[in-house]
Amino acid sequence: MQKIKVVIFDLDGTLANTLPMCIAAFRKSVEPLTGKEVSDAEIMATFGPSEEGTIAALAPDHYDKGIEAYLHYYEEFHDMCPEPFEGIRELLSLLKSRDVRLAMVTGKGKKSAEISMNRFGISGYFEKTETGDPAGPRKVEGIRNCLDYFGNPDSNEVIYVGDSPSDIGSCREAGIPIAAAAWAETAEPEQLEALNPDVLFYTVGDFFDWLASRTGR
């Protein structure tokens, strides 16, 4: 069995249950500026670009104030998600102890990603971090940048773990396998299954066991 030498993680809904907090921060920042209520579905329909792209879509006439408010509330609301998912710290520690190289590729903006990683105290695990772009999705580019950084390992030595159906397409375009993460309350397991990811996990524990058998000597 080929050993996995590089694991690339998504953040929202994969490392931690941050999506509800993101939605709350968007609503709190946008509604007072526009005077209009926005639904969860309307907010989530703008996802793909980084948060700056969401603010541009929901409050285009209040962009600067919207970004400032979003980051303020994102940090304020972080008590909604004070820790990563149970088992994530242990998983990261296991991989690091086995000299598996770790990266993160997220659609989040740089500032919000830093807020969460610092809050969780897990920044030190990741050698390389690629964040989102206001103009649109850039996960394929982010994954390829990580692969270049790690010396372009064989595709069977790498895996990306993410919770979004779009992550599956990004990994296929980038030419690496994906472990679909269906352990968040915001996950959509049926949509993930329909896209036939390389592997699909419903708990962090199952993913831990799977990786434990495919890393190390």
N, C-alpha and C. Protein backbone atom coordinates (compact mmCIF):
# COMPACT_ATOMS: atom_id res chain seq x y z
N MET A 1 0.83 -1.19 0.00
CA MET A 1 0.00 0.00 0.00
C MET A 1 0.87 1.26 0.00
N GLN A 2 0.59 2.17 -0.95
CA GLN A 2 1.35 3.42 -1.02
C GLN A 2 1.03 4.29 0.20
N LYS A 3 2.06 4.81 0.84
CA LYS A 3 1.87 5.65 2.01
C LYS A 3 1.56 7.09 1.60
N ILE A 4 0.66 7.72 2.35
CA ILE A 4 0.33 9.12 2.12
C ILE A 4 1.38 10.00 2.80
N LYS A 5 1.93 10.92 2.04
CA LYS A 5 3.00 11.78 2.55
C LYS A 5 2.57 13.24 2.70
N VAL A 6 1.47 13.62 2.05
CA VAL A 6 0.97 15.00 2.11
C VAL A 6 -0.54 14.97 2.29
N VAL A 7 -1.03 15.72 3.27
CA VAL A 7 -2.48 15.88 3.46
C VAL A 7 -2.80 17.37 3.41
N ILE A 8 -3.75 17.72 2.55
CA ILE A 8 -4.18 19.11 2.39
C ILE A 8 -5.60 19.23 2.93
N PHE A 9 -5.80 20.12 3.87
CA PHE A 9 -7.09 20.28 4.54
C PHE A 9 -7.83 21.52 4.06
N ASP A 10 -9.14 21.39 3.97
CA ASP A 10 -10.06 22.53 3.93
C ASP A 10 -10.23 23.01 5.37
N LEU A 11 -10.86 24.19 5.56
CA LEU A 11 -11.09 24.67 6.93
C LEU A 11 -12.56 24.58 7.32
N ASP A 12 -13.40 25.44 6.74
CA ASP A 12 -14.82 25.49 7.13
C ASP A 12 -15.50 24.15 6.91
N GLY A 13 -16.07 23.59 7.96
CA GLY A 13 -16.81 22.34 7.85
C GLY A 13 -15.94 21.11 7.77
N THR A 14 -14.62 21.29 7.80
CA THR A 14 -13.68 20.17 7.75
C THR A 14 -12.83 20.12 9.01
N LEU A 15 -12.10 21.20 9.27
CA LEU A 15 -11.35 21.28 10.52
C LEU A 15 -12.23 21.70 11.69
N ALA A 16 -13.26 22.49 11.41
CA ALA A 16 -14.10 23.02 12.48
C ALA A 16 -15.47 23.40 11.95
N ASN A 17 -16.43 23.49 12.86
CA ASN A 17 -17.81 23.80 12.51
C ASN A 17 -18.01 25.32 12.43
N THR A 18 -17.28 25.95 11.51
CA THR A 18 -17.25 27.40 11.44
C THR A 18 -18.34 28.01 10.54
N LEU A 19 -19.01 27.21 9.73
CA LEU A 19 -19.98 27.78 8.79
C LEU A 19 -21.13 28.52 9.47
N PRO A 20 -21.75 27.97 10.54
CA PRO A 20 -22.81 28.73 11.20
C PRO A 20 -22.33 30.09 11.70
N MET A 21 -21.11 30.14 12.19
CA MET A 21 -20.53 31.39 12.67
C MET A 21 -20.32 32.37 11.51
N CYS A 22 -19.85 31.86 10.38
CA CYS A 22 -19.67 32.71 9.20
C CYS A 22 -21.00 33.34 8.78
N ILE A 23 -22.03 32.52 8.72
CA ILE A 23 -23.34 33.01 8.28
C ILE A 23 -23.86 34.07 9.25
N ALA A 24 -23.71 33.83 10.55
CA ALA A 24 -24.15 34.80 11.55
C ALA A 24 -23.40 36.12 11.40
N ALA A 25 -22.09 36.04 11.14
CA ALA A 25 -21.29 37.26 10.99
C ALA A 25 -21.66 38.01 9.72
N PHE A 26 -21.94 37.29 8.64
CA PHE A 26 -22.39 37.95 7.41
C PHE A 26 -23.71 38.68 7.65
N ARG A 27 -24.65 37.99 8.28
CA ARG A 27 -25.96 38.60 8.51
C ARG A 27 -25.83 39.86 9.37
N LYS A 28 -25.07 39.75 10.45
CA LYS A 28 -24.94 40.87 11.39
C LYS A 28 -24.24 42.06 10.74
N SER A 29 -23.36 41.81 9.80
CA SER A 29 -22.63 42.90 9.16
C SER A 29 -23.38 43.51 7.98
N VAL A 30 -24.13 42.69 7.25
CA VAL A 30 -24.77 43.15 6.01
C VAL A 30 -26.13 43.81 6.26
N GLU A 31 -26.96 43.19 7.09
CA GLU A 31 -28.34 43.68 7.24
C GLU A 31 -28.43 45.13 7.70
N PRO A 32 -27.63 45.57 8.69
CA PRO A 32 -27.73 46.98 9.09
C PRO A 32 -27.29 47.95 7.98
N LEU A 33 -26.41 47.51 7.12
CA LEU A 33 -25.92 48.38 6.04
C LEU A 33 -26.92 48.50 4.90
N THR A 34 -27.62 47.41 4.60
CA THR A 34 -28.54 47.40 3.46
C THR A 34 -29.99 47.64 3.86
N GLY A 35 -30.30 47.41 5.15
CA GLY A 35 -31.68 47.53 5.60
C GLY A 35 -32.56 46.40 5.11
N LYS A 36 -31.94 45.32 4.64
CA LYS A 36 -32.69 44.17 4.13
C LYS A 36 -32.27 42.90 4.86
N GLU A 37 -33.24 42.03 5.11
CA GLU A 37 -32.92 40.73 5.69
C GLU A 37 -32.33 39.82 4.62
N VAL A 38 -31.37 38.99 5.03
CA VAL A 38 -30.80 38.01 4.11
C VAL A 38 -30.92 36.62 4.73
N SER A 39 -31.33 35.66 3.94
CA SER A 39 -31.50 34.29 4.42
C SER A 39 -30.18 33.54 4.38
N ASP A 40 -30.14 32.41 5.08
CA ASP A 40 -28.96 31.55 5.00
C ASP A 40 -28.68 31.17 3.55
N ALA A 41 -29.75 30.83 2.82
CA ALA A 41 -29.58 30.39 1.43
C ALA A 41 -29.00 31.50 0.57
N GLU A 42 -29.44 32.74 0.79
CA GLU A 42 -28.91 33.86 0.01
C GLU A 42 -27.43 34.08 0.31
N ILE A 43 -27.07 33.93 1.57
CA ILE A 43 -25.66 34.08 1.95
C ILE A 43 -24.83 32.97 1.33
N MET A 44 -25.28 31.73 1.48
CA MET A 44 -24.51 30.59 1.00
C MET A 44 -24.41 30.55 -0.52
N ALA A 45 -25.39 31.16 -1.20
CA ALA A 45 -25.36 31.19 -2.67
C ALA A 45 -24.19 32.02 -3.19
N THR A 46 -23.63 32.88 -2.33
CA THR A 46 -22.50 33.71 -2.75
C THR A 46 -21.15 33.04 -2.48
N PHE A 47 -21.16 31.87 -1.81
CA PHE A 47 -19.90 31.22 -1.44
C PHE A 47 -19.17 30.73 -2.69
N GLY A 48 -17.87 30.69 -2.59
CA GLY A 48 -16.98 30.34 -3.70
C GLY A 48 -15.82 31.30 -3.66
N PRO A 49 -16.10 32.60 -3.89
CA PRO A 49 -15.08 33.60 -3.58
C PRO A 49 -14.86 33.68 -2.07
N SER A 50 -13.84 34.43 -1.67
CA SER A 50 -13.62 34.68 -0.24
C SER A 50 -14.72 35.57 0.31
N GLU A 51 -14.66 35.86 1.61
CA GLU A 51 -15.70 36.67 2.24
C GLU A 51 -15.85 38.04 1.58
N GLU A 52 -14.76 38.58 1.08
CA GLU A 52 -14.84 39.87 0.39
C GLU A 52 -15.78 39.78 -0.81
N GLY A 53 -15.77 38.64 -1.49
CA GLY A 53 -16.68 38.44 -2.61
C GLY A 53 -18.12 38.37 -2.17
N THR A 54 -18.36 37.75 -1.00
CA THR A 54 -19.72 37.68 -0.46
C THR A 54 -20.23 39.07 -0.10
N ILE A 55 -19.40 39.88 0.56
CA ILE A 55 -19.79 41.24 0.91
C ILE A 55 -20.07 42.05 -0.36
N ALA A 56 -19.24 41.89 -1.37
CA ALA A 56 -19.44 42.61 -2.63
C ALA A 56 -20.77 42.23 -3.28
N ALA A 57 -21.18 40.97 -3.11
CA ALA A 57 -22.43 40.51 -3.70
C ALA A 57 -23.65 40.97 -2.89
N LEU A 58 -23.52 40.96 -1.56
CA LEU A 58 -24.67 41.25 -0.70
C LEU A 58 -24.81 42.73 -0.35
N ALA A 59 -23.69 43.45 -0.31
CA ALA A 59 -23.73 44.87 0.07
C ALA A 59 -22.74 45.66 -0.78
N PRO A 60 -22.95 45.68 -2.09
CA PRO A 60 -21.96 46.28 -2.99
C PRO A 60 -21.72 47.77 -2.75
N ASP A 61 -22.71 48.46 -2.22
CA ASP A 61 -22.55 49.90 -1.97
C ASP A 61 -21.90 50.20 -0.63
N HIS A 62 -21.60 49.15 0.13
CA HIS A 62 -21.04 49.34 1.48
C HIS A 62 -19.86 48.40 1.69
N TYR A 63 -19.05 48.23 0.64
CA TYR A 63 -18.02 47.19 0.66
C TYR A 63 -17.05 47.35 1.82
N ASP A 64 -16.42 48.50 1.95
CA ASP A 64 -15.39 48.67 2.98
C ASP A 64 -15.95 48.50 4.38
N LYS A 65 -17.11 49.13 4.63
CA LYS A 65 -17.73 48.99 5.95
C LYS A 65 -18.18 47.55 6.18
N GLY A 66 -18.63 46.91 5.12
CA GLY A 66 -19.07 45.52 5.24
C GLY A 66 -17.94 44.59 5.62
N ILE A 67 -16.78 44.76 4.99
CA ILE A 67 -15.62 43.93 5.32
C ILE A 67 -15.18 44.17 6.75
N GLU A 68 -15.10 45.43 7.14
CA GLU A 68 -14.69 45.77 8.50
C GLU A 68 -15.65 45.16 9.53
N ALA A 69 -16.96 45.29 9.25
CA ALA A 69 -17.96 44.74 10.18
C ALA A 69 -17.88 43.22 10.22
N TYR A 70 -17.71 42.60 9.05
CA TYR A 70 -17.66 41.13 9.01
C TYR A 70 -16.52 40.60 9.87
N LEU A 71 -15.34 41.14 9.69
CA LEU A 71 -14.19 40.65 10.46
C LEU A 71 -14.37 40.90 11.95
N HIS A 72 -15.00 42.03 12.30
CA HIS A 72 -15.29 42.31 13.71
C HIS A 72 -16.21 41.25 14.29
N TYR A 73 -17.32 40.98 13.59
CA TYR A 73 -18.29 40.01 14.12
C TYR A 73 -17.77 38.58 14.01
N TYR A 74 -16.97 38.31 13.00
CA TYR A 74 -16.39 36.97 12.89
C TYR A 74 -15.57 36.64 14.13
N GLU A 75 -14.77 37.61 14.55
CA GLU A 75 -13.97 37.39 15.76
C GLU A 75 -14.85 37.36 17.00
N GLU A 76 -15.83 38.26 17.06
CA GLU A 76 -16.72 38.32 18.23
C GLU A 76 -17.53 37.04 18.39
N PHE A 77 -17.98 36.49 17.28
CA PHE A 77 -18.84 35.30 17.32
C PHE A 77 -18.05 34.00 17.41
N HIS A 78 -16.73 34.08 17.50
CA HIS A 78 -15.93 32.85 17.46
C HIS A 78 -16.19 31.94 18.66
N ASP A 79 -16.81 32.47 19.71
CA ASP A 79 -17.20 31.61 20.83
C ASP A 79 -18.24 30.58 20.40
N MET A 80 -18.91 30.82 19.27
CA MET A 80 -19.82 29.81 18.73
C MET A 80 -19.05 28.56 18.31
N CYS A 81 -17.78 28.73 18.01
CA CYS A 81 -16.94 27.62 17.55
C CYS A 81 -15.56 27.77 18.19
N PRO A 82 -15.45 27.47 19.49
CA PRO A 82 -14.20 27.71 20.20
C PRO A 82 -13.10 26.69 19.91
N GLU A 83 -13.48 25.53 19.40
CA GLU A 83 -12.53 24.44 19.19
C GLU A 83 -12.73 23.80 17.82
N PRO A 84 -11.71 23.15 17.29
CA PRO A 84 -11.91 22.33 16.09
C PRO A 84 -12.84 21.16 16.41
N PHE A 85 -13.22 20.42 15.39
CA PHE A 85 -14.00 19.21 15.62
C PHE A 85 -13.24 18.26 16.55
N GLU A 86 -13.98 17.54 17.36
CA GLU A 86 -13.37 16.56 18.25
C GLU A 86 -12.54 15.56 17.44
N GLY A 87 -11.31 15.38 17.84
CA GLY A 87 -10.43 14.44 17.15
C GLY A 87 -9.49 15.08 16.15
N ILE A 88 -9.75 16.34 15.77
CA ILE A 88 -8.88 16.99 14.77
C ILE A 88 -7.49 17.25 15.33
N ARG A 89 -7.39 17.73 16.55
CA ARG A 89 -6.06 17.97 17.13
C ARG A 89 -5.25 16.68 17.17
N GLU A 90 -5.90 15.60 17.58
CA GLU A 90 -5.21 14.31 17.66
C GLU A 90 -4.78 13.84 16.27
N LEU A 91 -5.63 14.09 15.28
CA LEU A 91 -5.29 13.71 13.91
C LEU A 91 -4.08 14.49 13.41
N LEU A 92 -4.08 15.80 13.63
CA LEU A 92 -2.95 16.62 13.20
C LEU A 92 -1.67 16.20 13.91
N SER A 93 -1.79 15.91 15.19
CA SER A 93 -0.61 15.48 15.96
C SER A 93 -0.06 14.15 15.45
N LEU A 94 -0.97 13.23 15.15
CA LEU A 94 -0.54 11.94 14.60
C LEU A 94 0.22 12.13 13.29
N LEU A 95 -0.36 12.91 12.39
CA LEU A 95 0.27 13.11 11.09
C LEU A 95 1.62 13.79 11.23
N LYS A 96 1.70 14.78 12.09
CA LYS A 96 2.96 15.48 12.29
C LYS A 96 4.02 14.54 12.87
N SER A 97 3.59 13.68 13.79
CA SER A 97 4.54 12.75 14.41
C SER A 97 5.08 11.73 13.41
N ARG A 98 4.33 11.52 12.34
CA ARG A 98 4.75 10.57 11.30
C ARG A 98 5.39 11.27 10.10
N ASP A 99 5.72 12.53 10.29
CA ASP A 99 6.39 13.33 9.25
C ASP A 99 5.56 13.48 7.98
N VAL A 100 4.24 13.42 8.13
CA VAL A 100 3.36 13.75 7.01
C VAL A 100 3.33 15.27 6.89
N ARG A 101 3.46 15.77 5.68
CA ARG A 101 3.49 17.21 5.47
C ARG A 101 2.06 17.72 5.28
N LEU A 102 1.75 18.82 5.95
CA LEU A 102 0.38 19.31 6.00
C LEU A 102 0.25 20.70 5.39
N ALA A 103 -0.85 20.90 4.68
CA ALA A 103 -1.17 22.21 4.12
C ALA A 103 -2.66 22.46 4.31
N MET A 104 -3.05 23.70 4.12
CA MET A 104 -4.46 24.05 4.15
C MET A 104 -4.79 24.88 2.92
N VAL A 105 -5.85 24.50 2.22
CA VAL A 105 -6.35 25.27 1.09
C VAL A 105 -7.82 25.55 1.38
N THR A 106 -8.14 26.81 1.61
CA THR A 106 -9.48 27.21 2.00
C THR A 106 -9.97 28.35 1.12
N GLY A 107 -11.28 28.44 0.98
CA GLY A 107 -11.87 29.57 0.27
C GLY A 107 -11.98 30.81 1.13
N LYS A 108 -11.66 30.69 2.42
CA LYS A 108 -11.74 31.83 3.32
C LYS A 108 -10.71 32.89 2.94
N GLY A 109 -10.99 34.12 3.32
CA GLY A 109 -10.00 35.17 3.18
C GLY A 109 -8.87 34.98 4.17
N LYS A 110 -7.75 35.64 3.89
CA LYS A 110 -6.55 35.47 4.71
C LYS A 110 -6.80 35.88 6.16
N LYS A 111 -7.48 37.00 6.38
CA LYS A 111 -7.64 37.51 7.74
C LYS A 111 -8.54 36.61 8.58
N SER A 112 -9.66 36.17 8.03
CA SER A 112 -10.55 35.30 8.81
C SER A 112 -9.92 33.93 9.04
N ALA A 113 -9.17 33.44 8.06
CA ALA A 113 -8.48 32.16 8.26
C ALA A 113 -7.47 32.27 9.40
N GLU A 114 -6.75 33.38 9.44
CA GLU A 114 -5.78 33.59 10.52
C GLU A 114 -6.47 33.69 11.87
N ILE A 115 -7.62 34.37 11.93
CA ILE A 115 -8.36 34.48 13.19
C ILE A 115 -8.70 33.09 13.71
N SER A 116 -9.23 32.23 12.84
CA SER A 116 -9.64 30.89 13.28
C SER A 116 -8.44 30.02 13.63
N MET A 117 -7.42 30.03 12.81
CA MET A 117 -6.26 29.18 13.07
C MET A 117 -5.57 29.58 14.37
N ASN A 118 -5.50 30.88 14.63
CA ASN A 118 -4.90 31.33 15.88
C ASN A 118 -5.79 30.99 17.07
N ARG A 119 -7.09 31.13 16.89
CA ARG A 119 -8.03 30.80 17.96
C ARG A 119 -7.94 29.32 18.32
N PHE A 120 -7.82 28.48 17.31
CA PHE A 120 -7.73 27.04 17.55
C PHE A 120 -6.33 26.61 17.99
N GLY A 121 -5.35 27.45 17.75
CA GLY A 121 -3.98 27.11 18.12
C GLY A 121 -3.37 26.01 17.26
N ILE A 122 -3.76 25.95 15.98
CA ILE A 122 -3.27 24.86 15.12
C ILE A 122 -2.45 25.36 13.93
N SER A 123 -2.15 26.65 13.90
CA SER A 123 -1.40 27.21 12.76
C SER A 123 -0.08 26.49 12.53
N GLY A 124 0.58 26.11 13.62
CA GLY A 124 1.91 25.52 13.53
C GLY A 124 1.97 24.17 12.85
N TYR A 125 0.83 23.54 12.65
CA TYR A 125 0.83 22.23 11.99
C TYR A 125 1.02 22.36 10.47
N PHE A 126 0.69 23.51 9.92
CA PHE A 126 0.59 23.63 8.46
C PHE A 126 1.79 24.38 7.88
N GLU A 127 2.48 23.70 6.97
CA GLU A 127 3.64 24.31 6.31
C GLU A 127 3.22 25.35 5.27
N LYS A 128 2.07 25.13 4.68
CA LYS A 128 1.65 25.97 3.55
C LYS A 128 0.15 26.24 3.69
N THR A 129 -0.24 27.49 3.52
CA THR A 129 -1.65 27.87 3.57
C THR A 129 -2.00 28.69 2.34
N GLU A 130 -3.07 28.29 1.68
CA GLU A 130 -3.59 29.02 0.52
C GLU A 130 -5.02 29.46 0.84
N THR A 131 -5.28 30.76 0.73
CA THR A 131 -6.60 31.28 1.06
C THR A 131 -7.34 31.71 -0.20
N GLY A 132 -8.58 32.21 0.00
CA GLY A 132 -9.46 32.49 -1.12
C GLY A 132 -9.19 33.82 -1.80
N ASP A 133 -10.02 34.10 -2.81
CA ASP A 133 -9.87 35.30 -3.62
C ASP A 133 -11.25 35.94 -3.78
N PRO A 134 -11.35 37.27 -3.63
CA PRO A 134 -12.66 37.92 -3.79
C PRO A 134 -13.27 37.71 -5.17
N ALA A 135 -12.43 37.47 -6.18
CA ALA A 135 -12.91 37.38 -7.55
C ALA A 135 -13.59 36.05 -7.86
N GLY A 136 -13.31 35.01 -7.08
CA GLY A 136 -13.92 33.72 -7.36
C GLY A 136 -13.11 32.58 -6.81
N PRO A 137 -13.61 31.35 -6.98
CA PRO A 137 -12.92 30.18 -6.43
C PRO A 137 -11.50 30.03 -6.98
N ARG A 138 -10.58 29.61 -6.11
CA ARG A 138 -9.20 29.37 -6.56
C ARG A 138 -8.61 28.15 -5.87
N LYS A 139 -9.47 27.17 -5.55
CA LYS A 139 -8.95 25.99 -4.86
C LYS A 139 -8.02 25.17 -5.75
N VAL A 140 -8.34 25.06 -7.01
CA VAL A 140 -7.47 24.30 -7.91
C VAL A 140 -6.08 24.93 -7.93
N GLU A 141 -6.04 26.24 -8.08
CA GLU A 141 -4.76 26.96 -8.06
C GLU A 141 -4.05 26.77 -6.72
N GLY A 142 -4.82 26.85 -5.62
CA GLY A 142 -4.24 26.67 -4.30
C GLY A 142 -3.65 25.28 -4.11
N ILE A 143 -4.38 24.26 -4.57
CA ILE A 143 -3.88 22.89 -4.47
C ILE A 143 -2.60 22.73 -5.29
N ARG A 144 -2.61 23.25 -6.50
CA ARG A 144 -1.43 23.13 -7.35
C ARG A 144 -0.23 23.86 -6.75
N ASN A 145 -0.47 25.00 -6.12
CA ASN A 145 0.62 25.71 -5.46
C ASN A 145 1.22 24.87 -4.33
N CYS A 146 0.35 24.18 -3.60
CA CYS A 146 0.84 23.30 -2.53
C CYS A 146 1.64 22.14 -3.09
N LEU A 147 1.15 21.55 -4.16
CA LEU A 147 1.87 20.44 -4.77
C LEU A 147 3.25 20.89 -5.24
N ASP A 148 3.32 22.07 -5.84
CA ASP A 148 4.63 22.61 -6.25
C ASP A 148 5.52 22.79 -5.03
N TYR A 149 4.95 23.33 -3.97
CA TYR A 149 5.72 23.59 -2.75
C TYR A 149 6.31 22.29 -2.18
N PHE A 150 5.53 21.22 -2.25
CA PHE A 150 5.97 19.94 -1.71
C PHE A 150 6.77 19.10 -2.71
N GLY A 151 7.14 19.69 -3.83
CA GLY A 151 7.99 18.99 -4.79
C GLY A 151 7.23 18.08 -5.73
N ASN A 152 5.94 18.35 -5.93
CA ASN A 152 5.09 17.58 -6.85
C ASN A 152 5.16 16.07 -6.58
N PRO A 153 4.69 15.65 -5.40
CA PRO A 153 4.66 14.22 -5.09
C PRO A 153 3.69 13.48 -6.01
N ASP A 154 3.85 12.16 -6.08
CA ASP A 154 2.90 11.35 -6.84
C ASP A 154 1.50 11.55 -6.30
N SER A 155 0.51 11.49 -7.18
CA SER A 155 -0.87 11.76 -6.76
C SER A 155 -1.35 10.77 -5.70
N ASN A 156 -0.81 9.54 -5.71
CA ASN A 156 -1.25 8.56 -4.71
C ASN A 156 -0.55 8.74 -3.37
N GLU A 157 0.31 9.77 -3.27
CA GLU A 157 0.95 10.10 -2.00
C GLU A 157 0.31 11.32 -1.34
N VAL A 158 -0.74 11.84 -1.98
CA VAL A 158 -1.39 13.08 -1.53
C VAL A 158 -2.88 12.84 -1.37
N ILE A 159 -3.50 13.53 -0.41
CA ILE A 159 -4.95 13.55 -0.36
C ILE A 159 -5.43 14.89 0.17
N TYR A 160 -6.53 15.36 -0.40
CA TYR A 160 -7.20 16.57 0.07
C TYR A 160 -8.43 16.13 0.84
N VAL A 161 -8.73 16.81 1.93
CA VAL A 161 -9.94 16.50 2.69
C VAL A 161 -10.80 17.75 2.77
N GLY A 162 -12.03 17.64 2.27
CA GLY A 162 -12.94 18.77 2.24
C GLY A 162 -14.38 18.33 2.30
N ASP A 163 -15.26 19.24 2.69
CA ASP A 163 -16.67 18.88 2.94
C ASP A 163 -17.61 19.32 1.83
N SER A 164 -17.14 20.09 0.87
CA SER A 164 -18.03 20.65 -0.14
C SER A 164 -18.03 19.82 -1.42
N PRO A 165 -19.20 19.68 -2.06
CA PRO A 165 -19.22 19.00 -3.36
C PRO A 165 -18.25 19.63 -4.36
N SER A 166 -18.09 20.95 -4.29
CA SER A 166 -17.18 21.61 -5.23
C SER A 166 -15.73 21.21 -4.99
N ASP A 167 -15.41 20.77 -3.77
CA ASP A 167 -14.04 20.31 -3.49
C ASP A 167 -13.70 19.08 -4.32
N ILE A 168 -14.70 18.25 -4.57
CA ILE A 168 -14.47 17.04 -5.35
C ILE A 168 -14.05 17.41 -6.77
N GLY A 169 -14.77 18.35 -7.37
CA GLY A 169 -14.41 18.81 -8.71
C GLY A 169 -13.05 19.47 -8.75
N SER A 170 -12.73 20.24 -7.71
CA SER A 170 -11.43 20.92 -7.65
C SER A 170 -10.29 19.91 -7.62
N CYS A 171 -10.47 18.87 -6.81
CA CYS A 171 -9.42 17.84 -6.71
C CYS A 171 -9.26 17.08 -8.01
N ARG A 172 -10.36 16.78 -8.67
CA ARG A 172 -10.26 16.08 -9.95
C ARG A 172 -9.52 16.93 -10.96
N GLU A 173 -9.81 18.23 -10.97
CA GLU A 173 -9.12 19.12 -11.92
C GLU A 173 -7.64 19.22 -11.59
N ALA A 174 -7.33 19.20 -10.28
CA ALA A 174 -5.93 19.29 -9.85
C ALA A 174 -5.20 17.96 -9.95
N GLY A 175 -5.95 16.87 -10.13
CA GLY A 175 -5.34 15.57 -10.34
C GLY A 175 -4.94 14.83 -9.08
N ILE A 176 -5.65 15.10 -7.97
CA ILE A 176 -5.35 14.39 -6.73
C ILE A 176 -6.63 13.79 -6.15
N PRO A 177 -6.50 12.74 -5.31
CA PRO A 177 -7.68 12.16 -4.68
C PRO A 177 -8.24 13.04 -3.58
N ILE A 178 -9.52 12.80 -3.26
CA ILE A 178 -10.18 13.55 -2.19
C ILE A 178 -10.83 12.61 -1.19
N ALA A 179 -10.68 12.97 0.07
CA ALA A 179 -11.46 12.36 1.14
C ALA A 179 -12.58 13.33 1.46
N ALA A 180 -13.81 12.95 1.15
CA ALA A 180 -14.95 13.83 1.42
C ALA A 180 -15.31 13.74 2.90
N ALA A 181 -15.43 14.90 3.52
CA ALA A 181 -15.71 14.98 4.96
C ALA A 181 -17.18 15.28 5.17
N ALA A 182 -17.90 14.32 5.75
CA ALA A 182 -19.34 14.49 5.98
C ALA A 182 -19.66 14.52 7.46
N TRP A 183 -18.71 15.00 8.28
CA TRP A 183 -18.94 14.97 9.73
C TRP A 183 -19.52 16.26 10.29
N ALA A 184 -19.58 17.32 9.50
CA ALA A 184 -20.15 18.59 10.00
C ALA A 184 -21.67 18.55 9.89
N GLU A 185 -22.33 19.32 10.77
CA GLU A 185 -23.79 19.41 10.70
C GLU A 185 -24.23 20.08 9.40
N THR A 186 -23.34 20.83 8.78
CA THR A 186 -23.66 21.52 7.53
C THR A 186 -23.32 20.69 6.29
N ALA A 187 -22.79 19.49 6.48
CA ALA A 187 -22.41 18.65 5.34
C ALA A 187 -23.64 18.15 4.60
N GLU A 188 -23.45 17.81 3.34
CA GLU A 188 -24.51 17.28 2.50
C GLU A 188 -24.07 15.91 1.96
N PRO A 189 -24.18 14.87 2.80
CA PRO A 189 -23.64 13.55 2.45
C PRO A 189 -24.16 12.99 1.13
N GLU A 190 -25.45 13.19 0.86
CA GLU A 190 -26.01 12.62 -0.37
C GLU A 190 -25.38 13.27 -1.60
N GLN A 191 -25.18 14.58 -1.54
CA GLN A 191 -24.53 15.25 -2.67
C GLN A 191 -23.09 14.78 -2.83
N LEU A 192 -22.41 14.59 -1.71
CA LEU A 192 -21.03 14.10 -1.77
C LEU A 192 -20.99 12.70 -2.37
N GLU A 193 -21.86 11.82 -1.90
CA GLU A 193 -21.90 10.44 -2.40
C GLU A 193 -22.16 10.41 -3.90
N ALA A 194 -23.06 11.27 -4.36
CA ALA A 194 -23.45 11.27 -5.77
C ALA A 194 -22.28 11.61 -6.70
N LEU A 195 -21.29 12.30 -6.16
CA LEU A 195 -20.13 12.70 -6.97
C LEU A 195 -18.97 11.71 -6.89
N ASN A 196 -19.19 10.60 -6.18
CA ASN A 196 -18.21 9.51 -6.11
C ASN A 196 -16.81 9.96 -5.71
N PRO A 197 -16.67 10.53 -4.52
CA PRO A 197 -15.33 10.88 -4.06
C PRO A 197 -14.50 9.61 -3.89
N ASP A 198 -13.19 9.76 -3.79
CA ASP A 198 -12.33 8.59 -3.64
C ASP A 198 -12.65 7.84 -2.36
N VAL A 199 -12.87 8.58 -1.28
CA VAL A 199 -13.32 8.01 -0.01
C VAL A 199 -14.24 9.03 0.65
N LEU A 200 -15.13 8.55 1.50
CA LEU A 200 -16.10 9.41 2.19
C LEU A 200 -16.16 8.99 3.65
N PHE A 201 -16.07 9.97 4.54
CA PHE A 201 -16.06 9.67 5.97
C PHE A 201 -17.14 10.48 6.68
N TYR A 202 -17.83 9.79 7.61
CA TYR A 202 -18.89 10.43 8.37
C TYR A 202 -18.43 10.88 9.75
N THR A 203 -17.25 10.44 10.17
CA THR A 203 -16.71 10.86 11.46
C THR A 203 -15.22 11.14 11.32
N VAL A 204 -14.73 12.04 12.17
CA VAL A 204 -13.29 12.30 12.21
C VAL A 204 -12.55 11.03 12.63
N GLY A 205 -13.17 10.26 13.54
CA GLY A 205 -12.54 9.03 14.02
C GLY A 205 -12.28 8.03 12.91
N ASP A 206 -13.24 7.88 12.02
CA ASP A 206 -13.04 6.95 10.90
C ASP A 206 -11.93 7.43 9.97
N PHE A 207 -11.88 8.74 9.74
CA PHE A 207 -10.81 9.29 8.92
C PHE A 207 -9.46 9.12 9.60
N PHE A 208 -9.43 9.31 10.91
CA PHE A 208 -8.20 9.09 11.69
C PHE A 208 -7.69 7.67 11.48
N ASP A 209 -8.58 6.69 11.63
CA ASP A 209 -8.17 5.29 11.49
C ASP A 209 -7.67 4.99 10.08
N TRP A 210 -8.36 5.56 9.10
CA TRP A 210 -7.97 5.33 7.70
C TRP A 210 -6.58 5.90 7.44
N LEU A 211 -6.35 7.13 7.90
CA LEU A 211 -5.03 7.75 7.70
C LEU A 211 -3.94 7.05 8.51
N ALA A 212 -4.30 6.60 9.71
CA ALA A 212 -3.32 5.93 10.56
C ALA A 212 -2.76 4.69 9.88
N SER A 213 -3.60 4.03 9.07
CA SER A 213 -3.15 2.81 8.39
C SER A 213 -2.40 3.11 7.09
N ARG A 214 -2.35 4.38 6.70
CA ARG A 214 -1.74 4.75 5.42
C ARG A 214 -0.62 5.77 5.56
N THR A 215 -0.18 5.98 6.78
CA THR A 215 0.93 6.91 7.03
C THR A 215 1.97 6.23 7.91
N GLY A 216 3.13 6.83 7.99
CA GLY A 216 4.19 6.24 8.80
C GLY A 216 4.89 5.13 8.06
N ARG A 217 5.75 4.44 8.77
CA ARG A 217 6.54 3.39 8.16
C ARG A 217 5.81 2.07 8.15
